[in-house]
Amino acid sequence: MRKLSGLSWKNSLTIVSSNGSHAAFYGLIACWTAYLKAHYPDAFMAALMTSDYDDTDRLAIEIT
């Protein structure tokens, strides 16, 4: 498994499945997203656009 920020997806899913707050996991996703957006902007935008290719209104928001 590829590790980002010292945690693997498997460990991250363990955090989410616990009874505690989910804020730590959402914060981790936000950090990963910010890292990918800053270091790989072309791939980030391509993935973002691919996920919303059928919603042109959403694409217009993401592009601007």
C-alpha atoms as a PDB file:
ATOM      1  CA  MET A   1       0.000   0.000   0.000  1.00  0.00           C
ATOM      2  CA  ARG A   2       1.156   3.499  -0.798  1.00  0.00           C
ATOM      3  CA  LYS A   3       1.697   5.562   2.307  1.00  0.00           C
ATOM      4  CA  LEU A   4       1.010   9.280   2.586  1.00  0.00           C
ATOM      5  CA  SER A   5       1.714  11.160   5.784  1.00  0.00           C
ATOM      6  CA  GLY A   6       2.803   7.961   7.494  1.00  0.00           C
ATOM      7  CA  LEU A   7      -0.636   6.330   7.364  1.00  0.00           C
ATOM      8  CA  SER A   8      -1.847   3.737   4.919  1.00  0.00           C
ATOM      9  CA  TRP A   9      -5.430   3.469   3.705  1.00  0.00           C
ATOM     10  CA  LYS A  10      -5.868   0.396   5.857  1.00  0.00           C
ATOM     11  CA  ASN A  11      -4.883   2.290   9.012  1.00  0.00           C
ATOM     12  CA  SER A  12      -7.034   5.235   7.975  1.00  0.00           C
ATOM     13  CA  LEU A  13     -10.084   3.012   7.589  1.00  0.00           C
ATOM     14  CA  THR A  14      -9.454   1.711  11.097  1.00  0.00           C
ATOM     15  CA  ILE A  15      -9.700   5.279  12.355  1.00  0.00           C
ATOM     16  CA  VAL A  16     -13.054   5.758  10.608  1.00  0.00           C
ATOM     17  CA  SER A  17     -14.515   2.509  11.876  1.00  0.00           C
ATOM     18  CA  SER A  18     -13.817   3.439  15.490  1.00  0.00           C
ATOM     19  CA  ASN A  19     -16.517   4.939  17.685  1.00  0.00           C
ATOM     20  CA  GLY A  20     -14.570   8.178  18.045  1.00  0.00           C
ATOM     21  CA  SER A  21     -14.923  11.351  16.044  1.00  0.00           C
ATOM     22  CA  HIS A  22     -14.507  11.236  12.297  1.00  0.00           C
ATOM     23  CA  ALA A  23     -12.886  14.666  12.241  1.00  0.00           C
ATOM     24  CA  ALA A  24      -9.368  13.248  12.245  1.00  0.00           C
ATOM     25  CA  PHE A  25     -10.034  11.194   9.148  1.00  0.00           C
ATOM     26  CA  TYR A  26     -11.678  14.073   7.288  1.00  0.00           C
ATOM     27  CA  GLY A  27      -8.734  16.275   8.240  1.00  0.00           C
ATOM     28  CA  LEU A  28      -6.381  13.644   6.868  1.00  0.00           C
ATOM     29  CA  ILE A  29      -8.280  13.550   3.583  1.00  0.00           C
ATOM     30  CA  ALA A  30      -8.135  17.357   3.432  1.00  0.00           C
ATOM     31  CA  CYS A  31      -4.354  17.248   3.910  1.00  0.00           C
ATOM     32  CA  TRP A  32      -3.924  14.604   1.204  1.00  0.00           C
ATOM     33  CA  THR A  33      -6.126  16.593  -1.155  1.00  0.00           C
ATOM     34  CA  ALA A  34      -4.206  19.814  -0.522  1.00  0.00           C
ATOM     35  CA  TYR A  35      -0.897  17.994  -1.070  1.00  0.00           C
ATOM     36  CA  LEU A  36      -2.047  16.467  -4.345  1.00  0.00           C
ATOM     37  CA  LYS A  37      -3.495  19.769  -5.542  1.00  0.00           C
ATOM     38  CA  ALA A  38      -0.259  21.630  -4.738  1.00  0.00           C
ATOM     39  CA  HIS A  39       2.214  19.059  -6.087  1.00  0.00           C
ATOM     40  CA  TYR A  40       0.273  17.417  -8.931  1.00  0.00           C
ATOM     41  CA  PRO A  41      -2.196  20.077 -10.149  1.00  0.00           C
ATOM     42  CA  ASP A  42      -2.684  18.572 -13.627  1.00  0.00           C
ATOM     43  CA  ALA A  43      -3.500  15.098 -12.327  1.00  0.00           C
ATOM     44  CA  PHE A  44      -5.648  16.563  -9.546  1.00  0.00           C
ATOM     45  CA  MET A  45      -7.737  18.610 -11.978  1.00  0.00           C
ATOM     46  CA  ALA A  46      -8.032  15.672 -14.394  1.00  0.00           C
ATOM     47  CA  ALA A  47      -9.318  13.427 -11.602  1.00  0.00           C
ATOM     48  CA  LEU A  48     -11.704  16.124 -10.382  1.00  0.00           C
ATOM     49  CA  MET A  49     -13.084  16.679 -13.866  1.00  0.00           C
ATOM     50  CA  THR A  50     -13.369  12.937 -14.492  1.00  0.00           C
ATOM     51  CA  SER A  51     -15.432  12.487 -11.345  1.00  0.00           C
ATOM     52  CA  ASP A  52     -17.935  15.152 -12.482  1.00  0.00           C
ATOM     53  CA  TYR A  53     -17.840  14.725 -16.266  1.00  0.00           C
ATOM     54  CA  ASP A  54     -21.631  14.387 -16.550  1.00  0.00           C
ATOM     55  CA  ASP A  55     -22.426  17.502 -14.471  1.00  0.00           C
ATOM     56  CA  THR A  56     -21.496  20.550 -16.551  1.00  0.00           C
ATOM     57  CA  ASP A  57     -22.653  23.025 -13.911  1.00  0.00           C
ATOM     58  CA  ARG A  58     -20.297  21.475 -11.362  1.00  0.00           C
ATOM     59  CA  LEU A  59     -17.441  21.437 -13.909  1.00  0.00           C
ATOM     60  CA  ALA A  60     -17.939  25.144 -14.533  1.00  0.00           C
ATOM     61  CA  ILE A  61     -17.558  25.804 -10.794  1.00  0.00           C
ATOM     62  CA  GLU A  62     -14.433  23.652 -10.538  1.00  0.00           C
ATOM     63  CA  ILE A  63     -12.720  25.219 -13.550  1.00  0.00           C
ATOM     64  CA  THR A  64     -13.183  28.803 -12.380  1.00  0.00           C
END
